[in-house]
């Protein structure tokens, strides 16, 4: 699976699911529950500089309710899967990109897939 760090993308690639694809010590450190994690690839530039095109992220699929602090989540909006900064403040869901040059997030109902808990990047 890929999560767009852009305006969104239709996603049909395979996602690596489960804590068995993650180092067991890292899974414990991150508090991941068995079968409730995924590794997906970031595509696009809307979350730069923090997330870059080609990065891989570990997503906690058990955490689908955002907090008020604006953390990174993988979301779906009208069938598009993307990674965005999501916060819930006073009952209002805020979804945004980190890169100010990024296009706005598409309108539509937001389904929160999970919270990003780890980032991986190949060395330059």
PDB file of N, CA and C in Angstrom:
ATOM      1  N   UNK A   1       0.850  -1.177   0.000  1.00  0.00           N
ATOM      2  CA  UNK A   1       0.000   0.000   0.000  1.00  0.00           C
ATOM      3  C   UNK A   1       0.883   1.223   0.000  1.00  0.00           C
ATOM      4  N   UNK A   2       0.400   2.259  -0.572  1.00  0.00           N
ATOM      5  CA  UNK A   2       1.084   3.535  -0.550  1.00  0.00           C
ATOM      6  C   UNK A   2       0.122   4.571  -0.009  1.00  0.00           C
ATOM      7  N   UNK A   3       0.650   5.547   0.701  1.00  0.00           N
ATOM      8  CA  UNK A   3      -0.156   6.659   1.188  1.00  0.00           C
ATOM      9  C   UNK A   3       0.381   7.912   0.534  1.00  0.00           C
ATOM     10  N   UNK A   4      -0.470   8.617  -0.144  1.00  0.00           N
ATOM     11  CA  UNK A   4      -0.047   9.813  -0.830  1.00  0.00           C
ATOM     12  C   UNK A   4       0.244  10.922   0.166  1.00  0.00           C
ATOM     13  N   UNK A   5       1.381  11.574  -0.016  1.00  0.00           N
ATOM     14  CA  UNK A   5       1.690  12.805   0.700  1.00  0.00           C
ATOM     15  C   UNK A   5       1.534  13.895  -0.348  1.00  0.00           C
ATOM     16  N   UNK A   6       0.351  13.999  -0.853  1.00  0.00           N
ATOM     17  CA  UNK A   6      -0.024  14.910  -1.913  1.00  0.00           C
ATOM     18  C   UNK A   6      -1.532  15.019  -1.874  1.00  0.00           C
ATOM     19  N   UNK A   7      -2.163  15.297  -3.000  1.00  0.00           N
ATOM     20  CA  UNK A   7      -3.612  15.450  -2.983  1.00  0.00           C
ATOM     21  C   UNK A   7      -4.365  14.150  -2.805  1.00  0.00           C
ATOM     22  N   UNK A   8      -3.678  13.028  -2.831  1.00  0.00           N
ATOM     23  CA  UNK A   8      -4.346  11.742  -2.651  1.00  0.00           C
ATOM     24  C   UNK A   8      -4.069  10.836  -3.821  1.00  0.00           C
ATOM     25  N   UNK A   9      -4.233   9.564  -3.611  1.00  0.00           N
ATOM     26  CA  UNK A   9      -3.961   8.600  -4.665  1.00  0.00           C
ATOM     27  C   UNK A   9      -4.862   7.402  -4.482  1.00  0.00           C
ATOM     28  N   UNK A  10      -5.291   6.837  -5.597  1.00  0.00           N
ATOM     29  CA  UNK A  10      -5.973   5.560  -5.535  1.00  0.00           C
ATOM     30  C   UNK A  10      -4.900   4.521  -5.276  1.00  0.00           C
ATOM     31  N   UNK A  11      -5.120   3.679  -4.311  1.00  0.00           N
ATOM     32  CA  UNK A  11      -4.084   2.763  -3.857  1.00  0.00           C
ATOM     33  C   UNK A  11      -4.542   1.325  -4.058  1.00  0.00           C
ATOM     34  N   UNK A  12      -3.708   0.522  -4.717  1.00  0.00           N
ATOM     35  CA  UNK A  12      -4.043  -0.887  -4.860  1.00  0.00           C
ATOM     36  C   UNK A  12      -2.826  -1.777  -4.659  1.00  0.00           C
ATOM     37  N   UNK A  13      -1.731  -1.220  -4.186  1.00  0.00           N
ATOM     38  CA  UNK A  13      -0.530  -2.014  -3.932  1.00  0.00           C
ATOM     39  C   UNK A  13      -0.675  -2.789  -2.630  1.00  0.00           C
ATOM     40  N   UNK A  14       0.137  -3.804  -2.483  1.00  0.00           N
ATOM     41  CA  UNK A  14       0.086  -4.638  -1.288  1.00  0.00           C
ATOM     42  C   UNK A  14       0.599  -3.871  -0.081  1.00  0.00           C
ATOM     43  N   UNK A  15      -0.057  -4.064   1.038  1.00  0.00           N
ATOM     44  CA  UNK A  15       0.378  -3.485   2.305  1.00  0.00           C
ATOM     45  C   UNK A  15       0.968  -4.610   3.138  1.00  0.00           C
ATOM     46  N   UNK A  16       2.027  -4.309   3.864  1.00  0.00           N
ATOM     47  CA  UNK A  16       2.624  -5.294   4.762  1.00  0.00           C
ATOM     48  C   UNK A  16       1.926  -5.156   6.097  1.00  0.00           C
ATOM     49  N   UNK A  17       1.151  -6.163   6.468  1.00  0.00           N
ATOM     50  CA  UNK A  17       0.344  -6.103   7.682  1.00  0.00           C
ATOM     51  C   UNK A  17       0.919  -6.961   8.789  1.00  0.00           C
ATOM     52  N   UNK A  18       0.653  -6.529  10.000  1.00  0.00           N
ATOM     53  CA  UNK A  18       0.966  -7.336  11.164  1.00  0.00           C
ATOM     54  C   UNK A  18       2.313  -7.012  11.776  1.00  0.00           C
ATOM     55  N   UNK A  19       2.395  -7.253  13.064  1.00  0.00           N
ATOM     56  CA  UNK A  19       3.641  -6.980  13.768  1.00  0.00           C
ATOM     57  C   UNK A  19       4.718  -7.993  13.412  1.00  0.00           C
ATOM     58  N   UNK A  20       4.345  -9.085  12.735  1.00  0.00           N
ATOM     59  CA  UNK A  20       5.352 -10.078  12.363  1.00  0.00           C
ATOM     60  C   UNK A  20       6.289  -9.571  11.275  1.00  0.00           C
ATOM     61  N   UNK A  21       5.946  -8.489  10.572  1.00  0.00           N
ATOM     62  CA  UNK A  21       6.828  -7.921   9.561  1.00  0.00           C
ATOM     63  C   UNK A  21       7.711  -6.829  10.160  1.00  0.00           C
ATOM     64  N   UNK A  22       7.560  -6.566  11.434  1.00  0.00           N
ATOM     65  CA  UNK A  22       8.317  -5.536  12.138  1.00  0.00           C
ATOM     66  C   UNK A  22       9.178  -6.230  13.191  1.00  0.00           C
ATOM     67  N   UNK A  23      10.373  -5.720  13.409  1.00  0.00           N
ATOM     68  CA  UNK A  23      11.231  -6.259  14.453  1.00  0.00           C
ATOM     69  C   UNK A  23      10.437  -6.331  15.759  1.00  0.00           C
ATOM     70  N   UNK A  24      10.412  -7.493  16.415  1.00  0.00           N
ATOM     71  CA  UNK A  24       9.604  -7.653  17.628  1.00  0.00           C
ATOM     72  C   UNK A  24       9.933  -6.641  18.732  1.00  0.00           C
ATOM     73  N   UNK A  25      11.207  -6.317  18.893  1.00  0.00           N
ATOM     74  CA  UNK A  25      11.580  -5.340  19.922  1.00  0.00           C
ATOM     75  C   UNK A  25      11.022  -3.962  19.583  1.00  0.00           C
ATOM     76  N   UNK A  26      11.074  -3.599  18.304  1.00  0.00           N
ATOM     77  CA  UNK A  26      10.526  -2.301  17.893  1.00  0.00           C
ATOM     78  C   UNK A  26       9.012  -2.282  18.059  1.00  0.00           C
ATOM     79  N   UNK A  27       8.343  -3.375  17.691  1.00  0.00           N
ATOM     80  CA  UNK A  27       6.883  -3.454  17.843  1.00  0.00           C
ATOM     81  C   UNK A  27       6.489  -3.278  19.309  1.00  0.00           C
ATOM     82  N   UNK A  28       7.217  -3.920  20.216  1.00  0.00           N
ATOM     83  CA  UNK A  28       6.930  -3.756  21.651  1.00  0.00           C
ATOM     84  C   UNK A  28       7.176  -2.318  22.089  1.00  0.00           C
ATOM     85  N   UNK A  29       8.297  -1.759  21.655  1.00  0.00           N
ATOM     86  CA  UNK A  29       8.637  -0.374  22.024  1.00  0.00           C
ATOM     87  C   UNK A  29       7.561   0.604  21.567  1.00  0.00           C
ATOM     88  N   UNK A  30       6.990   0.342  20.395  1.00  0.00           N
ATOM     89  CA  UNK A  30       5.959   1.229  19.852  1.00  0.00           C
ATOM     90  C   UNK A  30       4.567   0.926  20.407  1.00  0.00           C
ATOM     91  N   UNK A  31       4.448  -0.122  21.185  1.00  0.00           N
ATOM     92  CA  UNK A  31       3.161  -0.483  21.776  1.00  0.00           C
ATOM     93  C   UNK A  31       2.172  -1.045  20.778  1.00  0.00           C
ATOM     94  N   UNK A  32       2.671  -1.661  19.720  1.00  0.00           N
ATOM     95  CA  UNK A  32       1.798  -2.201  18.684  1.00  0.00           C
ATOM     96  C   UNK A  32       1.194  -3.524  19.120  1.00  0.00           C
ATOM     97  N   UNK A  33      -0.079  -3.678  18.840  1.00  0.00           N
ATOM     98  CA  UNK A  33      -0.774  -4.934  19.130  1.00  0.00           C
ATOM     99  C   UNK A  33      -0.617  -5.878  17.951  1.00  0.00           C
ATOM    100  N   UNK A  34      -0.576  -7.168  18.249  1.00  0.00           N
ATOM    101  CA  UNK A  34      -0.423  -8.173  17.213  1.00  0.00           C
ATOM    102  C   UNK A  34      -1.516  -8.025  16.156  1.00  0.00           C
ATOM    103  N   UNK A  35      -1.107  -7.981  14.903  1.00  0.00           N
ATOM    104  CA  UNK A  35      -2.053  -7.873  13.799  1.00  0.00           C
ATOM    105  C   UNK A  35      -2.619  -6.477  13.589  1.00  0.00           C
ATOM    106  N   UNK A  36      -2.123  -5.481  14.308  1.00  0.00           N
ATOM    107  CA  UNK A  36      -2.671  -4.129  14.224  1.00  0.00           C
ATOM    108  C   UNK A  36      -1.632  -3.112  13.758  1.00  0.00           C
ATOM    109  N   UNK A  37      -0.786  -3.528  12.806  1.00  0.00           N
ATOM    110  CA  UNK A  37       0.232  -2.629  12.274  1.00  0.00           C
ATOM    111  C   UNK A  37       0.376  -2.843  10.780  1.00  0.00           C
ATOM    112  N   UNK A  38       0.855  -1.821  10.100  1.00  0.00           N
ATOM    113  CA  UNK A  38       1.108  -1.908   8.668  1.00  0.00           C
ATOM    114  C   UNK A  38       2.334  -1.078   8.339  1.00  0.00           C
ATOM    115  N   UNK A  39       3.077  -1.523   7.340  1.00  0.00           N
ATOM    116  CA  UNK A  39       4.165  -0.721   6.790  1.00  0.00           C
ATOM    117  C   UNK A  39       3.726  -0.295   5.406  1.00  0.00           C
ATOM    118  N   UNK A  40       3.752   0.996   5.156  1.00  0.00           N
ATOM    119  CA  UNK A  40       3.345   1.500   3.843  1.00  0.00           C
ATOM    120  C   UNK A  40       4.358   2.526   3.348  1.00  0.00           C
ATOM    121  N   UNK A  41       4.363   2.742   2.053  1.00  0.00           N
ATOM    122  CA  UNK A  41       5.289   3.669   1.400  1.00  0.00           C
ATOM    123  C   UNK A  41       4.618   5.025   1.214  1.00  0.00           C
ATOM    124  N   UNK A  42       5.386   6.083   1.472  1.00  0.00           N
ATOM    125  CA  UNK A  42       4.904   7.450   1.266  1.00  0.00           C
ATOM    126  C   UNK A  42       5.173   7.836  -0.186  1.00  0.00           C
ATOM    127  N   UNK A  43       4.190   8.470  -0.799  1.00  0.00           N
ATOM    128  CA  UNK A  43       4.326   8.927  -2.181  1.00  0.00           C
ATOM    129  C   UNK A  43       3.927  10.391  -2.248  1.00  0.00           C
ATOM    130  N   UNK A  44       4.792  11.256  -2.744  1.00  0.00           N
ATOM    131  CA  UNK A  44       4.482  12.668  -2.898  1.00  0.00           C
ATOM    132  C   UNK A  44       5.279  13.546  -1.942  1.00  0.00           C
ATOM    133  N   UNK A  45       5.006  14.851  -1.994  1.00  0.00           N
ATOM    134  CA  UNK A  45       5.820  15.831  -1.267  1.00  0.00           C
ATOM    135  C   UNK A  45       5.032  16.701  -0.292  1.00  0.00           C
ATOM    136  N   UNK A  46       3.759  16.455  -0.099  1.00  0.00           N
ATOM    137  CA  UNK A  46       2.958  17.371   0.717  1.00  0.00           C
ATOM    138  C   UNK A  46       3.287  17.331   2.202  1.00  0.00           C
ATOM    139  N   UNK A  47       4.018  16.300   2.647  1.00  0.00           N
ATOM    140  CA  UNK A  47       4.359  16.224   4.064  1.00  0.00           C
ATOM    141  C   UNK A  47       5.832  16.527   4.312  1.00  0.00           C
ATOM    142  N   UNK A  48       6.516  17.057   3.290  1.00  0.00           N
ATOM    143  CA  UNK A  48       7.907  17.476   3.470  1.00  0.00           C
ATOM    144  C   UNK A  48       7.958  18.699   4.369  1.00  0.00           C
ATOM    145  N   UNK A  49       8.986  18.843   5.156  1.00  0.00           N
ATOM    146  CA  UNK A  49      10.235  18.104   5.094  1.00  0.00           C
ATOM    147  C   UNK A  49      10.244  16.832   5.935  1.00  0.00           C
ATOM    148  N   UNK A  50       9.256  16.622   6.799  1.00  0.00           N
ATOM    149  CA  UNK A  50       9.269  15.476   7.710  1.00  0.00           C
ATOM    150  C   UNK A  50       9.192  14.138   7.011  1.00  0.00           C
ATOM    151  N   UNK A  51       8.243  13.975   6.108  1.00  0.00           N
ATOM    152  CA  UNK A  51       8.108  12.749   5.323  1.00  0.00           C
ATOM    153  C   UNK A  51       8.446  13.074   3.883  1.00  0.00           C
ATOM    154  N   UNK A  52       9.251  12.219   3.278  1.00  0.00           N
ATOM    155  CA  UNK A  52       9.654  12.436   1.899  1.00  0.00           C
ATOM    156  C   UNK A  52       9.162  11.294   1.020  1.00  0.00           C
ATOM    157  N   UNK A  53       9.024  11.586  -0.258  1.00  0.00           N
ATOM    158  CA  UNK A  53       8.626  10.588  -1.232  1.00  0.00           C
ATOM    159  C   UNK A  53       9.566   9.385  -1.129  1.00  0.00           C
ATOM    160  N   UNK A  54       9.014   8.195  -0.972  1.00  0.00           N
ATOM    161  CA  UNK A  54       9.815   6.982  -0.864  1.00  0.00           C
ATOM    162  C   UNK A  54      10.034   6.499   0.558  1.00  0.00           C
ATOM    163  N   UNK A  55       9.773   7.348   1.551  1.00  0.00           N
ATOM    164  CA  UNK A  55       9.880   6.897   2.938  1.00  0.00           C
ATOM    165  C   UNK A  55       8.882   5.769   3.173  1.00  0.00           C
ATOM    166  N   UNK A  56       9.152   4.962   4.186  1.00  0.00           N
ATOM    167  CA  UNK A  56       8.199   3.963   4.647  1.00  0.00           C
ATOM    168  C   UNK A  56       7.784   4.338   6.057  1.00  0.00           C
ATOM    169  N   UNK A  57       6.534   4.118   6.370  1.00  0.00           N
ATOM    170  CA  UNK A  57       6.022   4.445   7.698  1.00  0.00           C
ATOM    171  C   UNK A  57       5.357   3.211   8.298  1.00  0.00           C
ATOM    172  N   UNK A  58       5.462   3.126   9.625  1.00  0.00           N
ATOM    173  CA  UNK A  58       4.732   2.090  10.352  1.00  0.00           C
ATOM    174  C   UNK A  58       3.481   2.751  10.898  1.00  0.00           C
ATOM    175  N   UNK A  59       2.340   2.129  10.649  1.00  0.00           N
ATOM    176  CA  UNK A  59       1.057   2.681  11.043  1.00  0.00           C
ATOM    177  C   UNK A  59       0.418   1.771  12.088  1.00  0.00           C
ATOM    178  N   UNK A  60       0.021   2.365  13.212  1.00  0.00           N
ATOM    179  CA  UNK A  60      -0.714   1.657  14.261  1.00  0.00           C
ATOM    180  C   UNK A  60      -2.183   1.669  13.863  1.00  0.00           C
ATOM    181  N   UNK A  61      -2.677   0.535  13.387  1.00  0.00           N
ATOM    182  CA  UNK A  61      -4.051   0.452  12.896  1.00  0.00           C
ATOM    183  C   UNK A  61      -5.084   0.455  14.020  1.00  0.00           C
ATOM    184  N   UNK A  62      -4.623   0.300  15.263  1.00  0.00           N
ATOM    185  CA  UNK A  62      -5.538   0.305  16.407  1.00  0.00           C
ATOM    186  C   UNK A  62      -5.844   1.723  16.883  1.00  0.00           C
ATOM    187  N   UNK A  63      -5.081   2.706  16.417  1.00  0.00           N
ATOM    188  CA  UNK A  63      -5.280   4.087  16.859  1.00  0.00           C
ATOM    189  C   UNK A  63      -5.969   4.864  15.749  1.00  0.00           C
ATOM    190  N   UNK A  64      -7.298   4.953  15.842  1.00  0.00           N
ATOM    191  CA  UNK A  64      -8.085   5.601  14.788  1.00  0.00           C
ATOM    192  C   UNK A  64      -8.822   6.844  15.268  1.00  0.00           C
ATOM    193  N   UNK A  65      -8.544   7.256  16.503  1.00  0.00           N
ATOM    194  CA  UNK A  65      -9.154   8.479  17.024  1.00  0.00           C
ATOM    195  C   UNK A  65      -8.040   9.491  17.267  1.00  0.00           C
ATOM    196  N   UNK A  66      -8.043  10.609  16.533  1.00  0.00           N
ATOM    197  CA  UNK A  66      -6.965  11.577  16.705  1.00  0.00           C
ATOM    198  C   UNK A  66      -7.115  12.366  17.993  1.00  0.00           C
ATOM    199  N   UNK A  67      -5.989  12.878  18.455  1.00  0.00           N
ATOM    200  CA  UNK A  67      -6.000  13.757  19.617  1.00  0.00           C
ATOM    201  C   UNK A  67      -5.971  15.208  19.178  1.00  0.00           C
ATOM    202  N   UNK A  68      -5.765  16.092  20.104  1.00  0.00           N
ATOM    203  CA  UNK A  68      -5.778  17.527  19.819  1.00  0.00           C
ATOM    204  C   UNK A  68      -4.431  18.042  19.317  1.00  0.00           C
ATOM    205  N   UNK A  69      -3.381  17.209  19.375  1.00  0.00           N
ATOM    206  CA  UNK A  69      -2.028  17.685  19.084  1.00  0.00           C
ATOM    207  C   UNK A  69      -1.647  17.715  17.612  1.00  0.00           C
ATOM    208  N   UNK A  70      -2.413  17.182  16.729  1.00  0.00           N
ATOM    209  CA  UNK A  70      -2.069  17.215  15.306  1.00  0.00           C
ATOM    210  C   UNK A  70      -0.950  16.254  14.949  1.00  0.00           C
ATOM    211  N   UNK A  71      -1.191  14.976  15.103  1.00  0.00           N
ATOM    212  CA  UNK A  71      -0.202  13.947  14.764  1.00  0.00           C
ATOM    213  C   UNK A  71      -0.445  13.424  13.352  1.00  0.00           C
ATOM    214  N   UNK A  72       0.530  12.665  12.855  1.00  0.00           N
ATOM    215  CA  UNK A  72       0.416  12.104  11.514  1.00  0.00           C
ATOM    216  C   UNK A  72      -0.464  10.864  11.524  1.00  0.00           C
ATOM    217  N   UNK A  73      -1.404  10.824  10.593  1.00  0.00           N
ATOM    218  CA  UNK A  73      -2.303   9.688  10.433  1.00  0.00           C
ATOM    219  C   UNK A  73      -2.416   9.338   8.960  1.00  0.00           C
ATOM    220  N   UNK A  74      -2.665   8.068   8.689  1.00  0.00           N
ATOM    221  CA  UNK A  74      -3.055   7.649   7.347  1.00  0.00           C
ATOM    222  C   UNK A  74      -4.573   7.713   7.324  1.00  0.00           C
ATOM    223  N   UNK A  75      -5.091   8.392   6.302  1.00  0.00           N
ATOM    224  CA  UNK A  75      -6.534   8.598   6.191  1.00  0.00           C
ATOM    225  C   UNK A  75      -7.004   8.204   4.795  1.00  0.00           C
ATOM    226  N   UNK A  76      -8.316   8.053   4.679  1.00  0.00           N
ATOM    227  CA  UNK A  76      -8.964   7.887   3.370  1.00  0.00           C
ATOM    228  C   UNK A  76     -10.021   8.960   3.233  1.00  0.00           C
ATOM    229  N   UNK A  77     -10.007   9.610   2.084  1.00  0.00           N
ATOM    230  CA  UNK A  77     -11.026  10.603   1.754  1.00  0.00           C
ATOM    231  C   UNK A  77     -11.540  10.248   0.364  1.00  0.00           C
ATOM    232  N   UNK A  78     -12.802   9.884   0.276  1.00  0.00           N
ATOM    233  CA  UNK A  78     -13.417   9.506  -1.006  1.00  0.00           C
ATOM    234  C   UNK A  78     -12.577   8.494  -1.786  1.00  0.00           C
ATOM    235  N   UNK A  79     -12.105   7.455  -1.108  1.00  0.00           N
ATOM    236  CA  UNK A  79     -11.348   6.401  -1.764  1.00  0.00           C
ATOM    237  C   UNK A  79      -9.876   6.703  -1.968  1.00  0.00           C
ATOM    238  N   UNK A  80      -9.428   7.884  -1.606  1.00  0.00           N
ATOM    239  CA  UNK A  80      -8.022   8.256  -1.731  1.00  0.00           C
ATOM    240  C   UNK A  80      -7.326   8.036  -0.395  1.00  0.00           C
ATOM    241  N   UNK A  81      -6.190   7.371  -0.415  1.00  0.00           N
ATOM    242  CA  UNK A  81      -5.430   7.113   0.801  1.00  0.00           C
ATOM    243  C   UNK A  81      -4.268   8.079   0.845  1.00  0.00           C
ATOM    244  N   UNK A  82      -4.098   8.734   1.995  1.00  0.00           N
ATOM    245  CA  UNK A  82      -3.024   9.716   2.134  1.00  0.00           C
ATOM    246  C   UNK A  82      -2.556   9.791   3.569  1.00  0.00           C
ATOM    247  N   UNK A  83      -1.383  10.370   3.753  1.00  0.00           N
ATOM    248  CA  UNK A  83      -0.872  10.619   5.092  1.00  0.00           C
ATOM    249  C   UNK A  83      -0.926  12.129   5.319  1.00  0.00           C
ATOM    250  N   UNK A  84      -1.537  12.510   6.438  1.00  0.00           N
ATOM    251  CA  UNK A  84      -1.746  13.936   6.750  1.00  0.00           C
ATOM    252  C   UNK A  84      -1.629  14.159   8.250  1.00  0.00           C
ATOM    253  N   UNK A  85      -1.525  15.405   8.627  1.00  0.00           N
ATOM    254  CA  UNK A  85      -1.544  15.790  10.038  1.00  0.00           C
ATOM    255  C   UNK A  85      -3.016  15.971  10.423  1.00  0.00           C
ATOM    256  N   UNK A  86      -3.454  15.245  11.449  1.00  0.00           N
ATOM    257  CA  UNK A  86      -4.863  15.227  11.831  1.00  0.00           C
ATOM    258  C   UNK A  86      -4.984  15.564  13.309  1.00  0.00           C
ATOM    259  N   UNK A  87      -5.936  16.436  13.610  1.00  0.00           N
ATOM    260  CA  UNK A  87      -6.208  16.799  15.010  1.00  0.00           C
ATOM    261  C   UNK A  87      -7.710  16.906  15.205  1.00  0.00           C
ATOM    262  N   UNK A  88      -8.150  16.633  16.416  1.00  0.00           N
ATOM    263  CA  UNK A  88      -9.554  16.784  16.796  1.00  0.00           C
ATOM    264  C   UNK A  88      -9.595  17.811  17.916  1.00  0.00           C
ATOM    265  N   UNK A  89     -10.148  18.981  17.611  1.00  0.00           N
ATOM    266  CA  UNK A  89     -10.221  20.072  18.579  1.00  0.00           C
ATOM    267  C   UNK A  89     -11.658  20.562  18.671  1.00  0.00           C
ATOM    268  N   UNK A  90     -12.189  20.522  19.875  1.00  0.00           N
ATOM    269  CA  UNK A  90     -13.562  20.991  20.113  1.00  0.00           C
ATOM    270  C   UNK A  90     -14.559  20.340  19.166  1.00  0.00           C
ATOM    271  N   UNK A  91     -14.371  19.045  18.908  1.00  0.00           N
ATOM    272  CA  UNK A  91     -15.295  18.308  18.057  1.00  0.00           C
ATOM    273  C   UNK A  91     -15.101  18.520  16.569  1.00  0.00           C
ATOM    274  N   UNK A  92     -14.106  19.316  16.177  1.00  0.00           N
ATOM    275  CA  UNK A  92     -13.852  19.586  14.769  1.00  0.00           C
ATOM    276  C   UNK A  92     -12.573  18.896  14.328  1.00  0.00           C
ATOM    277  N   UNK A  93     -12.648  18.160  13.224  1.00  0.00           N
ATOM    278  CA  UNK A  93     -11.496  17.455  12.686  1.00  0.00           C
ATOM    279  C   UNK A  93     -10.721  18.390  11.770  1.00  0.00           C
ATOM    280  N   UNK A  94      -9.436  18.526  12.037  1.00  0.00           N
ATOM    281  CA  UNK A  94      -8.549  19.341  11.223  1.00  0.00           C
ATOM    282  C   UNK A  94      -7.591  18.416  10.491  1.00  0.00           C
ATOM    283  N   UNK A  95      -7.508  18.535   9.151  1.00  0.00           N
ATOM    284  CA  UNK A  95      -6.626  17.720   8.329  1.00  0.00           C
ATOM    285  C   UNK A  95      -5.769  18.662   7.498  1.00  0.00           C
ATOM    286  N   UNK A  96      -4.438  18.497   7.579  1.00  0.00           N
ATOM    287  CA  UNK A  96      -3.564  19.420   6.856  1.00  0.00           C
ATOM    288  C   UNK A  96      -2.285  18.743   6.396  1.00  0.00           C
ATOM    289  N   UNK A  97      -1.609  19.404   5.477  1.00  0.00           N
ATOM    290  CA  UNK A  97      -0.301  18.988   4.991  1.00  0.00           C
ATOM    291  C   UNK A  97       0.756  19.830   5.693  1.00  0.00           C
ATOM    292  N   UNK A  98       1.969  19.303   5.812  1.00  0.00           N
ATOM    293  CA  UNK A  98       3.057  20.070   6.414  1.00  0.00           C
ATOM    294  C   UNK A  98       3.699  21.037   5.422  1.00  0.00           C
ATOM    295  N   UNK A  99       3.706  20.681   4.162  1.00  0.00           N
ATOM    296  CA  UNK A  99       4.308  21.516   3.130  1.00  0.00           C
ATOM    297  C   UNK A  99       3.303  22.609   2.736  1.00  0.00           C
ATOM    298  N   UNK A 100       3.631  23.894   2.987  1.00  0.00           N
ATOM    299  CA  UNK A 100       2.678  24.966   2.678  1.00  0.00           C
ATOM    300  C   UNK A 100       2.346  25.089   1.188  1.00  0.00           C
ATOM    301  N   UNK A 101       3.183  24.542   0.315  1.00  0.00           N
ATOM    302  CA  UNK A 101       2.923  24.612  -1.120  1.00  0.00           C
ATOM    303  C   UNK A 101       1.998  23.494  -1.605  1.00  0.00           C
ATOM    304  N   UNK A 102       1.626  22.595  -0.729  1.00  0.00           N
ATOM    305  CA  UNK A 102       0.785  21.463  -1.117  1.00  0.00           C
ATOM    306  C   UNK A 102      -0.646  21.920  -1.384  1.00  0.00           C
ATOM    307  N   UNK A 103      -1.328  21.241  -2.314  1.00  0.00           N
ATOM    308  CA  UNK A 103      -2.735  21.566  -2.555  1.00  0.00           C
ATOM    309  C   UNK A 103      -3.575  21.183  -1.340  1.00  0.00           C
ATOM    310  N   UNK A 104      -4.758  21.778  -1.229  1.00  0.00           N
ATOM    311  CA  UNK A 104      -5.607  21.452  -0.077  1.00  0.00           C
ATOM    312  C   UNK A 104      -6.058  19.989  -0.102  1.00  0.00           C
ATOM    313  N   UNK A 105      -6.380  19.487   1.062  1.00  0.00           N
ATOM    314  CA  UNK A 105      -6.897  18.129   1.191  1.00  0.00           C
ATOM    315  C   UNK A 105      -8.288  18.102   0.570  1.00  0.00           C
ATOM    316  N   UNK A 106      -8.603  17.087  -0.227  1.00  0.00           N
ATOM    317  CA  UNK A 106      -9.931  17.032  -0.853  1.00  0.00           C
ATOM    318  C   UNK A 106     -11.044  17.026   0.199  1.00  0.00           C
ATOM    319  N   UNK A 107     -12.170  17.629  -0.158  1.00  0.00           N
ATOM    320  CA  UNK A 107     -13.336  17.606   0.722  1.00  0.00           C
ATOM    321  C   UNK A 107     -13.954  16.214   0.702  1.00  0.00           C
ATOM    322  N   UNK A 108     -14.594  15.878   1.788  1.00  0.00           N
ATOM    323  CA  UNK A 108     -15.278  14.595   1.872  1.00  0.00           C
ATOM    324  C   UNK A 108     -15.119  14.017   3.253  1.00  0.00           C
ATOM    325  N   UNK A 109     -15.863  12.979   3.532  1.00  0.00           N
ATOM    326  CA  UNK A 109     -15.735  12.330   4.841  1.00  0.00           C
ATOM    327  C   UNK A 109     -14.353  11.707   5.000  1.00  0.00           C
ATOM    328  N   UNK A 110     -13.784  11.851   6.191  1.00  0.00           N
ATOM    329  CA  UNK A 110     -12.446  11.358   6.487  1.00  0.00           C
ATOM    330  C   UNK A 110     -12.548  10.077   7.305  1.00  0.00           C
ATOM    331  N   UNK A 111     -11.910   9.022   6.801  1.00  0.00           N
ATOM    332  CA  UNK A 111     -11.816   7.752   7.517  1.00  0.00           C
ATOM    333  C   UNK A 111     -10.371   7.619   7.984  1.00  0.00           C
ATOM    334  N   UNK A 112     -10.164   7.511   9.292  1.00  0.00           N
ATOM    335  CA  UNK A 112      -8.813   7.405   9.827  1.00  0.00           C
ATOM    336  C   UNK A 112      -8.413   5.935   9.868  1.00  0.00           C
ATOM    337  N   UNK A 113      -7.371   5.609   9.108  1.00  0.00           N
ATOM    338  CA  UNK A 113      -6.879   4.239   9.011  1.00  0.00           C
ATOM    339  C   UNK A 113      -6.021   3.903  10.227  1.00  0.00           C
ATOM    340  N   UNK A 114      -5.175   4.830  10.647  1.00  0.00           N
ATOM    341  CA  UNK A 114      -4.300   4.597  11.793  1.00  0.00           C
ATOM    342  C   UNK A 114      -3.316   5.738  11.968  1.00  0.00           C
ATOM    343  N   UNK A 115      -2.558   5.677  13.070  1.00  0.00           N
ATOM    344  CA  UNK A 115      -1.598   6.734  13.384  1.00  0.00           C
ATOM    345  C   UNK A 115      -0.192   6.287  13.018  1.00  0.00           C
ATOM    346  N   UNK A 116       0.567   7.188  12.427  1.00  0.00           N
ATOM    347  CA  UNK A 116       1.955   6.923  12.076  1.00  0.00           C
ATOM    348  C   UNK A 116       2.784   6.919  13.360  1.00  0.00           C
ATOM    349  N   UNK A 117       3.519   5.829  13.587  1.00  0.00           N
ATOM    350  CA  UNK A 117       4.296   5.703  14.822  1.00  0.00           C
ATOM    351  C   UNK A 117       5.794   5.580  14.560  1.00  0.00           C
ATOM    352  N   UNK A 118       6.194   5.406  13.299  1.00  0.00           N
ATOM    353  CA  UNK A 118       7.616   5.253  13.001  1.00  0.00           C
ATOM    354  C   UNK A 118       7.848   5.579  11.537  1.00  0.00           C
ATOM    355  N   UNK A 119       9.002   6.116  11.249  1.00  0.00           N
ATOM    356  CA  UNK A 119       9.366   6.477   9.886  1.00  0.00           C
ATOM    357  C   UNK A 119      10.688   5.821   9.528  1.00  0.00           C
ATOM    358  N   UNK A 120      10.778   5.346   8.300  1.00  0.00           N
ATOM    359  CA  UNK A 120      12.018   4.729   7.814  1.00  0.00           C
ATOM    360  C   UNK A 120      12.411   5.377   6.496  1.00  0.00           C
ATOM    361  N   UNK A 121      13.703   5.658   6.358  1.00  0.00           N
ATOM    362  CA  UNK A 121      14.211   6.285   5.138  1.00  0.00           C
ATOM    363  C   UNK A 121      15.545   5.648   4.791  1.00  0.00           C
ATOM    364  N   UNK A 122      15.726   5.368   3.520  1.00  0.00           N
ATOM    365  CA  UNK A 122      17.014   4.835   3.079  1.00  0.00           C
ATOM    366  C   UNK A 122      18.063   5.929   3.191  1.00  0.00           C
ATOM    367  N   UNK A 123      19.264   5.569   3.615  1.00  0.00           N
ATOM    368  CA  UNK A 123      20.316   6.580   3.719  1.00  0.00           C
ATOM    369  C   UNK A 123      20.687   7.118   2.353  1.00  0.00           C
ATOM    370  N   UNK A 124      21.079   8.361   2.340  1.00  0.00           N
ATOM    371  CA  UNK A 124      21.454   9.016   1.070  1.00  0.00           C
ATOM    372  C   UNK A 124      22.755   8.485   0.538  1.00  0.00           C
TER     373      UNK A 124
END
